[in-house]
Amino acid sequence: METVRNERKKAGRPVKAIKKEVRACVRFSRHEYFIVREKASQAGLNASEYIRQITVTARILPRISREEAGYIRQLIGMSTNINQVAKICHREGLFEALVYFEKYRSRIDHLLKMLKQ
């Protein structure tokens, strides 16, 4: 004779597939906390889920390095030189101005490529 086992359901909340085991505490001023809560409600999330998603998916841009700051200074210097190209255009003609402009354009392109890296 076969015995039939009746498996009973477990009581309580079902086990989650991914457990959140680590707790990290963050302190906010009242003003900051109300901003976080407002942004979370606009996103349709509670504050803890909003903070969790922001910390995982947000991308923080690093400060510019000294090398990048040097490139930016060179670009600023070239902007004044491009104004000089307009004066050359009036004084020496369009062809001379185009030659200067092409030289500055290639240098600007090079500096912009260096900044994107």
PDB file of N, CA and C in Angstrom:
ATOM      1  N   MET A   1       0.822  -1.165   0.000  1.00  0.00           N
ATOM      2  CA  MET A   1       0.000   0.000   0.000  1.00  0.00           C
ATOM      3  C   MET A   1       0.875   1.240   0.000  1.00  0.00           C
ATOM      4  N   GLU A   2       0.492   2.239  -0.758  1.00  0.00           N
ATOM      5  CA  GLU A   2       1.246   3.491  -0.849  1.00  0.00           C
ATOM      6  C   GLU A   2       0.742   4.493   0.162  1.00  0.00           C
ATOM      7  N   THR A   3       1.704   5.176   0.747  1.00  0.00           N
ATOM      8  CA  THR A   3       1.293   6.252   1.656  1.00  0.00           C
ATOM      9  C   THR A   3       1.321   7.567   0.897  1.00  0.00           C
ATOM     10  N   VAL A   4       0.313   8.328   1.095  1.00  0.00           N
ATOM     11  CA  VAL A   4       0.211   9.622   0.424  1.00  0.00           C
ATOM     12  C   VAL A   4       0.611  10.699   1.421  1.00  0.00           C
ATOM     13  N   ARG A   5       1.570  11.507   0.993  1.00  0.00           N
ATOM     14  CA  ARG A   5       2.015  12.594   1.855  1.00  0.00           C
ATOM     15  C   ARG A   5       1.330  13.876   1.432  1.00  0.00           C
ATOM     16  N   ASN A   6       0.801  14.542   2.346  1.00  0.00           N
ATOM     17  CA  ASN A   6       0.219  15.860   2.081  1.00  0.00           C
ATOM     18  C   ASN A   6       1.256  16.910   2.461  1.00  0.00           C
ATOM     19  N   GLU A   7       1.815  17.584   1.422  1.00  0.00           N
ATOM     20  CA  GLU A   7       2.779  18.632   1.712  1.00  0.00           C
ATOM     21  C   GLU A   7       2.031  19.911   2.014  1.00  0.00           C
ATOM     22  N   ARG A   8       2.366  20.458   3.137  1.00  0.00           N
ATOM     23  CA  ARG A   8       1.691  21.673   3.543  1.00  0.00           C
ATOM     24  C   ARG A   8       2.506  22.883   3.094  1.00  0.00           C
ATOM     25  N   LYS A   9       1.801  23.963   2.816  1.00  0.00           N
ATOM     26  CA  LYS A   9       2.481  25.205   2.470  1.00  0.00           C
ATOM     27  C   LYS A   9       3.147  25.769   3.707  1.00  0.00           C
ATOM     28  N   LYS A  10       4.294  26.371   3.483  1.00  0.00           N
ATOM     29  CA  LYS A  10       4.966  27.021   4.595  1.00  0.00           C
ATOM     30  C   LYS A  10       4.242  28.320   4.899  1.00  0.00           C
ATOM     31  N   ALA A  11       4.140  28.608   6.127  1.00  0.00           N
ATOM     32  CA  ALA A  11       3.489  29.847   6.541  1.00  0.00           C
ATOM     33  C   ALA A  11       4.489  30.994   6.480  1.00  0.00           C
ATOM     34  N   GLY A  12       3.995  32.189   6.336  1.00  0.00           N
ATOM     35  CA  GLY A  12       4.852  33.370   6.365  1.00  0.00           C
ATOM     36  C   GLY A  12       5.176  33.892   4.983  1.00  0.00           C
ATOM     37  N   ARG A  13       6.043  34.842   4.982  1.00  0.00           N
ATOM     38  CA  ARG A  13       6.425  35.519   3.754  1.00  0.00           C
ATOM     39  C   ARG A  13       7.316  34.616   2.907  1.00  0.00           C
ATOM     40  N   PRO A  14       7.121  34.609   1.574  1.00  0.00           N
ATOM     41  CA  PRO A  14       7.998  33.781   0.727  1.00  0.00           C
ATOM     42  C   PRO A  14       9.432  34.300   0.723  1.00  0.00           C
ATOM     43  N   VAL A  15      10.365  33.399   0.522  1.00  0.00           N
ATOM     44  CA  VAL A  15      11.776  33.744   0.523  1.00  0.00           C
ATOM     45  C   VAL A  15      12.094  34.520  -0.757  1.00  0.00           C
ATOM     46  N   LYS A  16      12.838  35.632  -0.600  1.00  0.00           N
ATOM     47  CA  LYS A  16      13.224  36.445  -1.755  1.00  0.00           C
ATOM     48  C   LYS A  16      14.386  35.786  -2.480  1.00  0.00           C
ATOM     49  N   ALA A  17      14.448  36.007  -3.790  1.00  0.00           N
ATOM     50  CA  ALA A  17      15.535  35.448  -4.583  1.00  0.00           C
ATOM     51  C   ALA A  17      16.856  36.146  -4.258  1.00  0.00           C
ATOM     52  N   ILE A  18      16.797  37.457  -4.070  1.00  0.00           N
ATOM     53  CA  ILE A  18      18.003  38.218  -3.743  1.00  0.00           C
ATOM     54  C   ILE A  18      17.782  38.893  -2.404  1.00  0.00           C
ATOM     55  N   LYS A  19      18.609  38.540  -1.443  1.00  0.00           N
ATOM     56  CA  LYS A  19      18.491  39.137  -0.118  1.00  0.00           C
ATOM     57  C   LYS A  19      19.393  40.361  -0.033  1.00  0.00           C
ATOM     58  N   LYS A  20      18.917  41.367   0.622  1.00  0.00           N
ATOM     59  CA  LYS A  20      19.722  42.556   0.881  1.00  0.00           C
ATOM     60  C   LYS A  20      20.302  42.394   2.271  1.00  0.00           C
ATOM     61  N   GLU A  21      21.573  42.024   2.323  1.00  0.00           N
ATOM     62  CA  GLU A  21      22.198  41.648   3.575  1.00  0.00           C
ATOM     63  C   GLU A  21      23.026  42.752   4.211  1.00  0.00           C
ATOM     64  N   VAL A  22      23.507  43.696   3.411  1.00  0.00           N
ATOM     65  CA  VAL A  22      24.409  44.727   3.916  1.00  0.00           C
ATOM     66  C   VAL A  22      23.635  46.019   4.128  1.00  0.00           C
ATOM     67  N   ARG A  23      23.876  46.642   5.247  1.00  0.00           N
ATOM     68  CA  ARG A  23      23.212  47.916   5.559  1.00  0.00           C
ATOM     69  C   ARG A  23      24.272  49.008   5.574  1.00  0.00           C
ATOM     70  N   ALA A  24      24.006  50.077   4.833  1.00  0.00           N
ATOM     71  CA  ALA A  24      24.887  51.243   4.825  1.00  0.00           C
ATOM     72  C   ALA A  24      24.069  52.446   5.254  1.00  0.00           C
ATOM     73  N   CYS A  25      24.547  53.162   6.219  1.00  0.00           N
ATOM     74  CA  CYS A  25      23.796  54.302   6.753  1.00  0.00           C
ATOM     75  C   CYS A  25      24.309  55.596   6.138  1.00  0.00           C
ATOM     76  N   VAL A  26      23.380  56.476   5.842  1.00  0.00           N
ATOM     77  CA  VAL A  26      23.702  57.785   5.286  1.00  0.00           C
ATOM     78  C   VAL A  26      22.971  58.820   6.117  1.00  0.00           C
ATOM     79  N   ARG A  27      23.649  59.892   6.430  1.00  0.00           N
ATOM     80  CA  ARG A  27      22.998  60.970   7.185  1.00  0.00           C
ATOM     81  C   ARG A  27      22.694  62.125   6.243  1.00  0.00           C
ATOM     82  N   PHE A  28      21.503  62.665   6.375  1.00  0.00           N
ATOM     83  CA  PHE A  28      21.066  63.817   5.599  1.00  0.00           C
ATOM     84  C   PHE A  28      20.659  64.931   6.547  1.00  0.00           C
ATOM     85  N   SER A  29      20.801  66.157   6.085  1.00  0.00           N
ATOM     86  CA  SER A  29      20.165  67.255   6.817  1.00  0.00           C
ATOM     87  C   SER A  29      18.673  67.174   6.496  1.00  0.00           C
ATOM     88  N   ARG A  30      17.852  67.871   7.240  1.00  0.00           N
ATOM     89  CA  ARG A  30      16.408  67.828   6.974  1.00  0.00           C
ATOM     90  C   ARG A  30      16.106  68.295   5.558  1.00  0.00           C
ATOM     91  N   HIS A  31      16.772  69.342   5.164  1.00  0.00           N
ATOM     92  CA  HIS A  31      16.555  69.888   3.821  1.00  0.00           C
ATOM     93  C   HIS A  31      16.917  68.853   2.743  1.00  0.00           C
ATOM     94  N   GLU A  32      18.077  68.211   2.885  1.00  0.00           N
ATOM     95  CA  GLU A  32      18.500  67.196   1.913  1.00  0.00           C
ATOM     96  C   GLU A  32      17.528  66.020   1.886  1.00  0.00           C
ATOM     97  N   TYR A  33      17.070  65.609   3.061  1.00  0.00           N
ATOM     98  CA  TYR A  33      16.165  64.465   3.121  1.00  0.00           C
ATOM     99  C   TYR A  33      14.835  64.764   2.426  1.00  0.00           C
ATOM    100  N   PHE A  34      14.328  65.975   2.605  1.00  0.00           N
ATOM    101  CA  PHE A  34      13.075  66.331   1.928  1.00  0.00           C
ATOM    102  C   PHE A  34      13.262  66.389   0.415  1.00  0.00           C
ATOM    103  N   ILE A  35      14.443  66.803  -0.030  1.00  0.00           N
ATOM    104  CA  ILE A  35      14.733  66.805  -1.468  1.00  0.00           C
ATOM    105  C   ILE A  35      14.750  65.368  -1.994  1.00  0.00           C
ATOM    106  N   VAL A  36      15.408  64.464  -1.254  1.00  0.00           N
ATOM    107  CA  VAL A  36      15.462  63.053  -1.659  1.00  0.00           C
ATOM    108  C   VAL A  36      14.057  62.461  -1.705  1.00  0.00           C
ATOM    109  N   ARG A  37      13.263  62.730  -0.672  1.00  0.00           N
ATOM    110  CA  ARG A  37      11.897  62.193  -0.647  1.00  0.00           C
ATOM    111  C   ARG A  37      11.060  62.739  -1.796  1.00  0.00           C
ATOM    112  N   GLU A  38      11.225  64.018  -2.115  1.00  0.00           N
ATOM    113  CA  GLU A  38      10.465  64.615  -3.220  1.00  0.00           C
ATOM    114  C   GLU A  38      10.862  63.986  -4.557  1.00  0.00           C
ATOM    115  N   LYS A  39      12.155  63.835  -4.774  1.00  0.00           N
ATOM    116  CA  LYS A  39      12.618  63.202  -6.016  1.00  0.00           C
ATOM    117  C   LYS A  39      12.158  61.752  -6.098  1.00  0.00           C
ATOM    118  N   ALA A  40      12.166  61.050  -4.976  1.00  0.00           N
ATOM    119  CA  ALA A  40      11.708  59.655  -4.954  1.00  0.00           C
ATOM    120  C   ALA A  40      10.226  59.579  -5.284  1.00  0.00           C
ATOM    121  N   SER A  41       9.431  60.490  -4.731  1.00  0.00           N
ATOM    122  CA  SER A  41       7.991  60.448  -5.023  1.00  0.00           C
ATOM    123  C   SER A  41       7.718  60.795  -6.480  1.00  0.00           C
ATOM    124  N   GLN A  42       8.517  61.698  -7.054  1.00  0.00           N
ATOM    125  CA  GLN A  42       8.367  62.014  -8.475  1.00  0.00           C
ATOM    126  C   GLN A  42       8.710  60.812  -9.343  1.00  0.00           C
ATOM    127  N   ALA A  43       9.648  59.988  -8.874  1.00  0.00           N
ATOM    128  CA  ALA A  43      10.040  58.787  -9.618  1.00  0.00           C
ATOM    129  C   ALA A  43       9.114  57.615  -9.322  1.00  0.00           C
ATOM    130  N   GLY A  44       8.208  57.777  -8.353  1.00  0.00           N
ATOM    131  CA  GLY A  44       7.280  56.708  -8.007  1.00  0.00           C
ATOM    132  C   GLY A  44       7.912  55.631  -7.140  1.00  0.00           C
ATOM    133  N   LEU A  45       8.919  55.993  -6.357  1.00  0.00           N
ATOM    134  CA  LEU A  45       9.629  55.043  -5.510  1.00  0.00           C
ATOM    135  C   LEU A  45       9.622  55.537  -4.074  1.00  0.00           C
ATOM    136  N   ASN A  46       9.909  54.616  -3.145  1.00  0.00           N
ATOM    137  CA  ASN A  46      10.122  55.093  -1.781  1.00  0.00           C
ATOM    138  C   ASN A  46      11.570  55.572  -1.674  1.00  0.00           C
ATOM    139  N   ALA A  47      11.897  56.260  -0.600  1.00  0.00           N
ATOM    140  CA  ALA A  47      13.207  56.905  -0.483  1.00  0.00           C
ATOM    141  C   ALA A  47      14.352  55.894  -0.534  1.00  0.00           C
ATOM    142  N   SER A  48      14.219  54.762   0.155  1.00  0.00           N
ATOM    143  CA  SER A  48      15.328  53.797   0.181  1.00  0.00           C
ATOM    144  C   SER A  48      15.565  53.181  -1.199  1.00  0.00           C
ATOM    145  N   GLU A  49      14.503  52.858  -1.930  1.00  0.00           N
ATOM    146  CA  GLU A  49      14.667  52.296  -3.279  1.00  0.00           C
ATOM    147  C   GLU A  49      15.254  53.339  -4.225  1.00  0.00           C
ATOM    148  N   TYR A  50      14.842  54.588  -4.071  1.00  0.00           N
ATOM    149  CA  TYR A  50      15.383  55.669  -4.901  1.00  0.00           C
ATOM    150  C   TYR A  50      16.883  55.822  -4.665  1.00  0.00           C
ATOM    151  N   ILE A  51      17.293  55.862  -3.404  1.00  0.00           N
ATOM    152  CA  ILE A  51      18.721  55.995  -3.080  1.00  0.00           C
ATOM    153  C   ILE A  51      19.498  54.803  -3.612  1.00  0.00           C
ATOM    154  N   ARG A  52      18.937  53.599  -3.478  1.00  0.00           N
ATOM    155  CA  ARG A  52      19.595  52.388  -3.973  1.00  0.00           C
ATOM    156  C   ARG A  52      19.809  52.479  -5.481  1.00  0.00           C
ATOM    157  N   GLN A  53      18.775  52.868  -6.221  1.00  0.00           N
ATOM    158  CA  GLN A  53      18.903  52.941  -7.676  1.00  0.00           C
ATOM    159  C   GLN A  53      19.872  54.031  -8.104  1.00  0.00           C
ATOM    160  N   ILE A  54      19.829  55.169  -7.429  1.00  0.00           N
ATOM    161  CA  ILE A  54      20.737  56.261  -7.770  1.00  0.00           C
ATOM    162  C   ILE A  54      22.186  55.850  -7.536  1.00  0.00           C
ATOM    163  N   THR A  55      22.471  55.179  -6.437  1.00  0.00           N
ATOM    164  CA  THR A  55      23.858  54.808  -6.150  1.00  0.00           C
ATOM    165  C   THR A  55      24.380  53.757  -7.115  1.00  0.00           C
ATOM    166  N   VAL A  56      23.511  52.906  -7.618  1.00  0.00           N
ATOM    167  CA  VAL A  56      23.956  51.849  -8.523  1.00  0.00           C
ATOM    168  C   VAL A  56      24.075  52.355  -9.951  1.00  0.00           C
ATOM    169  N   THR A  57      23.139  53.201 -10.399  1.00  0.00           N
ATOM    170  CA  THR A  57      23.091  53.571 -11.815  1.00  0.00           C
ATOM    171  C   THR A  57      23.654  54.944 -12.134  1.00  0.00           C
ATOM    172  N   ALA A  58      23.814  55.819 -11.145  1.00  0.00           N
ATOM    173  CA  ALA A  58      24.288  57.180 -11.430  1.00  0.00           C
ATOM    174  C   ALA A  58      25.750  57.164 -11.848  1.00  0.00           C
ATOM    175  N   ARG A  59      26.087  58.117 -12.704  1.00  0.00           N
ATOM    176  CA  ARG A  59      27.463  58.246 -13.161  1.00  0.00           C
ATOM    177  C   ARG A  59      28.012  59.582 -12.678  1.00  0.00           C
ATOM    178  N   ILE A  60      29.044  59.550 -11.905  1.00  0.00           N
ATOM    179  CA  ILE A  60      29.665  60.753 -11.375  1.00  0.00           C
ATOM    180  C   ILE A  60      30.827  61.121 -12.293  1.00  0.00           C
ATOM    181  N   LEU A  61      30.819  62.359 -12.748  1.00  0.00           N
ATOM    182  CA  LEU A  61      31.897  62.817 -13.611  1.00  0.00           C
ATOM    183  C   LEU A  61      33.066  63.299 -12.761  1.00  0.00           C
ATOM    184  N   PRO A  62      34.262  62.824 -13.051  1.00  0.00           N
ATOM    185  CA  PRO A  62      35.414  63.255 -12.260  1.00  0.00           C
ATOM    186  C   PRO A  62      35.791  64.701 -12.589  1.00  0.00           C
ATOM    187  N   ARG A  63      36.498  65.319 -11.684  1.00  0.00           N
ATOM    188  CA  ARG A  63      36.997  66.668 -11.944  1.00  0.00           C
ATOM    189  C   ARG A  63      38.000  66.627 -13.080  1.00  0.00           C
ATOM    190  N   ILE A  64      38.171  67.769 -13.722  1.00  0.00           N
ATOM    191  CA  ILE A  64      39.118  67.787 -14.833  1.00  0.00           C
ATOM    192  C   ILE A  64      40.540  67.726 -14.284  1.00  0.00           C
ATOM    193  N   SER A  65      41.395  67.054 -15.027  1.00  0.00           N
ATOM    194  CA  SER A  65      42.787  66.915 -14.607  1.00  0.00           C
ATOM    195  C   SER A  65      43.559  68.173 -15.004  1.00  0.00           C
ATOM    196  N   ARG A  66      44.789  68.260 -14.547  1.00  0.00           N
ATOM    197  CA  ARG A  66      45.632  69.412 -14.914  1.00  0.00           C
ATOM    198  C   ARG A  66      45.887  69.434 -16.413  1.00  0.00           C
ATOM    199  N   GLU A  67      46.026  68.252 -16.973  1.00  0.00           N
ATOM    200  CA  GLU A  67      46.265  68.161 -18.412  1.00  0.00           C
ATOM    201  C   GLU A  67      45.054  68.695 -19.186  1.00  0.00           C
ATOM    202  N   GLU A  68      43.853  68.298 -18.767  1.00  0.00           N
ATOM    203  CA  GLU A  68      42.639  68.781 -19.429  1.00  0.00           C
ATOM    204  C   GLU A  68      42.464  70.282 -19.219  1.00  0.00           C
ATOM    205  N   ALA A  69      42.824  70.776 -18.048  1.00  0.00           N
ATOM    206  CA  ALA A  69      42.746  72.216 -17.796  1.00  0.00           C
ATOM    207  C   ALA A  69      43.687  72.972 -18.736  1.00  0.00           C
ATOM    208  N   GLY A  70      44.839  72.389 -19.012  1.00  0.00           N
ATOM    209  CA  GLY A  70      45.774  73.002 -19.969  1.00  0.00           C
ATOM    210  C   GLY A  70      45.178  73.069 -21.365  1.00  0.00           C
ATOM    211  N   TYR A  71      44.494  71.999 -21.778  1.00  0.00           N
ATOM    212  CA  TYR A  71      43.838  72.000 -23.087  1.00  0.00           C
ATOM    213  C   TYR A  71      42.768  73.085 -23.158  1.00  0.00           C
ATOM    214  N   ILE A  72      42.021  73.228 -22.066  1.00  0.00           N
ATOM    215  CA  ILE A  72      40.961  74.240 -22.047  1.00  0.00           C
ATOM    216  C   ILE A  72      41.560  75.640 -22.130  1.00  0.00           C
ATOM    217  N   ARG A  73      42.673  75.868 -21.442  1.00  0.00           N
ATOM    218  CA  ARG A  73      43.349  77.170 -21.533  1.00  0.00           C
ATOM    219  C   ARG A  73      43.819  77.447 -22.955  1.00  0.00           C
ATOM    220  N   GLN A  74      44.312  76.410 -23.624  1.00  0.00           N
ATOM    221  CA  GLN A  74      44.745  76.592 -25.017  1.00  0.00           C
ATOM    222  C   GLN A  74      43.565  76.947 -25.905  1.00  0.00           C
ATOM    223  N   LEU A  75      42.425  76.303 -25.674  1.00  0.00           N
ATOM    224  CA  LEU A  75      41.231  76.627 -26.457  1.00  0.00           C
ATOM    225  C   LEU A  75      40.787  78.067 -26.228  1.00  0.00           C
ATOM    226  N   ILE A  76      40.861  78.530 -24.987  1.00  0.00           N
ATOM    227  CA  ILE A  76      40.495  79.918 -24.685  1.00  0.00           C
ATOM    228  C   ILE A  76      41.443  80.877 -25.398  1.00  0.00           C
ATOM    229  N   GLY A  77      42.726  80.547 -25.391  1.00  0.00           N
ATOM    230  CA  GLY A  77      43.695  81.384 -26.101  1.00  0.00           C
ATOM    231  C   GLY A  77      43.423  81.421 -27.590  1.00  0.00           C
ATOM    232  N   MET A  78      43.018  80.303 -28.142  1.00  0.00           N
ATOM    233  CA  MET A  78      42.731  80.249 -29.581  1.00  0.00           C
ATOM    234  C   MET A  78      41.487  81.047 -29.931  1.00  0.00           C
ATOM    235  N   SER A  79      40.568  81.169 -29.009  1.00  0.00           N
ATOM    236  CA  SER A  79      39.354  81.937 -29.314  1.00  0.00           C
ATOM    237  C   SER A  79      39.698  83.390 -29.578  1.00  0.00           C
ATOM    238  N   THR A  80      40.689  83.926 -28.865  1.00  0.00           N
ATOM    239  CA  THR A  80      41.103  85.301 -29.149  1.00  0.00           C
ATOM    240  C   THR A  80      41.824  85.373 -30.487  1.00  0.00           C
ATOM    241  N   ASN A  81      42.547  84.318 -30.826  1.00  0.00           N
ATOM    242  CA  ASN A  81      43.249  84.303 -32.113  1.00  0.00           C
ATOM    243  C   ASN A  81      42.280  84.238 -33.286  1.00  0.00           C
ATOM    244  N   ILE A  82      41.144  83.570 -33.092  1.00  0.00           N
ATOM    245  CA  ILE A  82      40.161  83.487 -34.175  1.00  0.00           C
ATOM    246  C   ILE A  82      39.587  84.877 -34.449  1.00  0.00           C
ATOM    247  N   ASN A  83      39.485  85.705 -33.429  1.00  0.00           N
ATOM    248  CA  ASN A  83      39.055  87.081 -33.635  1.00  0.00           C
ATOM    249  C   ASN A  83      40.078  87.817 -34.502  1.00  0.00           C
ATOM    250  N   GLN A  84      41.331  87.495 -34.322  1.00  0.00           N
ATOM    251  CA  GLN A  84      42.384  88.085 -35.147  1.00  0.00           C
ATOM    252  C   GLN A  84      42.223  87.665 -36.609  1.00  0.00           C
ATOM    253  N   VAL A  85      41.724  86.441 -36.837  1.00  0.00           N
ATOM    254  CA  VAL A  85      41.513  85.951 -38.203  1.00  0.00           C
ATOM    255  C   VAL A  85      40.504  86.833 -38.922  1.00  0.00           C
ATOM    256  N   ALA A  86      39.492  87.274 -38.224  1.00  0.00           N
ATOM    257  CA  ALA A  86      38.493  88.160 -38.844  1.00  0.00           C
ATOM    258  C   ALA A  86      39.148  89.477 -39.259  1.00  0.00           C
ATOM    259  N   LYS A  87      40.049  89.987 -38.428  1.00  0.00           N
ATOM    260  CA  LYS A  87      40.743  91.228 -38.783  1.00  0.00           C
ATOM    261  C   LYS A  87      41.648  91.023 -39.994  1.00  0.00           C
ATOM    262  N   ILE A  88      42.317  89.855 -40.062  1.00  0.00           N
ATOM    263  CA  ILE A  88      43.175  89.539 -41.200  1.00  0.00           C
ATOM    264  C   ILE A  88      42.344  89.447 -42.477  1.00  0.00           C
ATOM    265  N   CYS A  89      41.161  88.891 -42.354  1.00  0.00           N
ATOM    266  CA  CYS A  89      40.258  88.758 -43.494  1.00  0.00           C
ATOM    267  C   CYS A  89      39.967  90.133 -44.092  1.00  0.00           C
ATOM    268  N   HIS A  90      39.726  91.122 -43.259  1.00  0.00           N
ATOM    269  CA  HIS A  90      39.438  92.467 -43.744  1.00  0.00           C
ATOM    270  C   HIS A  90      40.694  93.146 -44.301  1.00  0.00           C
ATOM    271  N   ARG A  91      41.853  92.867 -43.694  1.00  0.00           N
ATOM    272  CA  ARG A  91      43.078  93.552 -44.075  1.00  0.00           C
ATOM    273  C   ARG A  91      43.778  92.898 -45.267  1.00  0.00           C
ATOM    274  N   GLU A  92      43.955  91.556 -45.240  1.00  0.00           N
ATOM    275  CA  GLU A  92      44.775  90.882 -46.244  1.00  0.00           C
ATOM    276  C   GLU A  92      43.965  90.106 -47.269  1.00  0.00           C
ATOM    277  N   GLY A  93      42.705  89.915 -47.023  1.00  0.00           N
ATOM    278  CA  GLY A  93      41.889  89.188 -47.983  1.00  0.00           C
ATOM    279  C   GLY A  93      41.412  87.852 -47.430  1.00  0.00           C
ATOM    280  N   LEU A  94      40.477  87.303 -48.141  1.00  0.00           N
ATOM    281  CA  LEU A  94      39.801  86.094 -47.682  1.00  0.00           C
ATOM    282  C   LEU A  94      40.710  84.867 -47.705  1.00  0.00           C
ATOM    283  N   PHE A  95      41.589  84.766 -48.707  1.00  0.00           N
ATOM    284  CA  PHE A  95      42.430  83.575 -48.811  1.00  0.00           C
ATOM    285  C   PHE A  95      43.375  83.455 -47.624  1.00  0.00           C
ATOM    286  N   GLU A  96      44.021  84.546 -47.231  1.00  0.00           N
ATOM    287  CA  GLU A  96      44.931  84.516 -46.081  1.00  0.00           C
ATOM    288  C   GLU A  96      44.175  84.142 -44.808  1.00  0.00           C
ATOM    289  N   ALA A  97      42.968  84.665 -44.667  1.00  0.00           N
ATOM    290  CA  ALA A  97      42.172  84.357 -43.481  1.00  0.00           C
ATOM    291  C   ALA A  97      41.808  82.876 -43.443  1.00  0.00           C
ATOM    292  N   LEU A  98      41.501  82.292 -44.606  1.00  0.00           N
ATOM    293  CA  LEU A  98      41.174  80.863 -44.658  1.00  0.00           C
ATOM    294  C   LEU A  98      42.358  80.002 -44.249  1.00  0.00           C
ATOM    295  N   VAL A  99      43.554  80.400 -44.637  1.00  0.00           N
ATOM    296  CA  VAL A  99      44.756  79.651 -44.263  1.00  0.00           C
ATOM    297  C   VAL A  99      44.918  79.655 -42.740  1.00  0.00           C
ATOM    298  N   TYR A 100      44.797  80.822 -42.120  1.00  0.00           N
ATOM    299  CA  TYR A 100      44.890  80.911 -40.660  1.00  0.00           C
ATOM    300  C   TYR A 100      43.763  80.123 -39.988  1.00  0.00           C
ATOM    301  N   PHE A 101      42.572  80.262 -40.530  1.00  0.00           N
ATOM    302  CA  PHE A 101      41.429  79.578 -39.934  1.00  0.00           C
ATOM    303  C   PHE A 101      41.610  78.069 -39.971  1.00  0.00           C
ATOM    304  N   GLU A 102      42.083  77.521 -41.068  1.00  0.00           N
ATOM    305  CA  GLU A 102      42.309  76.071 -41.178  1.00  0.00           C
ATOM    306  C   GLU A 102      43.349  75.601 -40.169  1.00  0.00           C
ATOM    307  N   LYS A 103      44.377  76.424 -39.964  1.00  0.00           N
ATOM    308  CA  LYS A 103      45.404  76.063 -38.980  1.00  0.00           C
ATOM    309  C   LYS A 103      44.784  75.980 -37.578  1.00  0.00           C
ATOM    310  N   TYR A 104      43.987  76.975 -37.210  1.00  0.00           N
ATOM    311  CA  TYR A 104      43.355  76.975 -35.897  1.00  0.00           C
ATOM    312  C   TYR A 104      42.296  75.881 -35.777  1.00  0.00           C
ATOM    313  N   ARG A 105      41.579  75.627 -36.842  1.00  0.00           N
ATOM    314  CA  ARG A 105      40.544  74.593 -36.803  1.00  0.00           C
ATOM    315  C   ARG A 105      41.156  73.229 -36.531  1.00  0.00           C
ATOM    316  N   SER A 106      42.279  72.924 -37.195  1.00  0.00           N
ATOM    317  CA  SER A 106      42.920  71.619 -36.969  1.00  0.00           C
ATOM    318  C   SER A 106      43.459  71.520 -35.542  1.00  0.00           C
ATOM    319  N   ARG A 107      43.995  72.609 -34.997  1.00  0.00           N
ATOM    320  CA  ARG A 107      44.481  72.581 -33.614  1.00  0.00           C
ATOM    321  C   ARG A 107      43.325  72.419 -32.631  1.00  0.00           C
ATOM    322  N   ILE A 108      42.208  73.099 -32.905  1.00  0.00           N
ATOM    323  CA  ILE A 108      41.039  72.972 -32.032  1.00  0.00           C
ATOM    324  C   ILE A 108      40.494  71.556 -32.077  1.00  0.00           C
ATOM    325  N   ASP A 109      40.406  70.961 -33.266  1.00  0.00           N
ATOM    326  CA  ASP A 109      39.941  69.575 -33.385  1.00  0.00           C
ATOM    327  C   ASP A 109      40.829  68.632 -32.582  1.00  0.00           C
ATOM    328  N   HIS A 110      42.138  68.835 -32.678  1.00  0.00           N
ATOM    329  CA  HIS A 110      43.071  67.992 -31.947  1.00  0.00           C
ATOM    330  C   HIS A 110      42.857  68.119 -30.438  1.00  0.00           C
ATOM    331  N   LEU A 111      42.702  69.359 -29.941  1.00  0.00           N
ATOM    332  CA  LEU A 111      42.505  69.571 -28.517  1.00  0.00           C
ATOM    333  C   LEU A 111      41.168  68.975 -28.036  1.00  0.00           C
ATOM    334  N   LEU A 112      40.138  69.096 -28.839  1.00  0.00           N
ATOM    335  CA  LEU A 112      38.838  68.522 -28.465  1.00  0.00           C
ATOM    336  C   LEU A 112      38.901  67.002 -28.400  1.00  0.00           C
ATOM    337  N   LYS A 113      39.638  66.387 -29.314  1.00  0.00           N
ATOM    338  CA  LYS A 113      39.829  64.943 -29.266  1.00  0.00           C
ATOM    339  C   LYS A 113      40.569  64.530 -28.007  1.00  0.00           C
ATOM    340  N   MET A 114      41.558  65.332 -27.614  1.00  0.00           N
ATOM    341  CA  MET A 114      42.314  65.027 -26.403  1.00  0.00           C
ATOM    342  C   MET A 114      41.421  65.149 -25.159  1.00  0.00           C
ATOM    343  N   LEU A 115      40.489  66.098 -25.169  1.00  0.00           N
ATOM    344  CA  LEU A 115      39.587  66.270 -24.025  1.00  0.00           C
ATOM    345  C   LEU A 115      38.581  65.135 -23.926  1.00  0.00           C
ATOM    346  N   LYS A 116      38.181  64.553 -25.052  1.00  0.00           N
ATOM    347  CA  LYS A 116      37.194  63.458 -25.035  1.00  0.00           C
ATOM    348  C   LYS A 116      37.776  62.176 -24.470  1.00  0.00           C
ATOM    349  N   GLN A 117      39.087  62.003 -24.521  1.00  0.00           N
ATOM    350  CA  GLN A 117      39.705  60.756 -24.054  1.00  0.00           C
ATOM    351  C   GLN A 117      39.607  60.613 -22.599  1.00  0.00           C
TER     352      GLN A 117
END
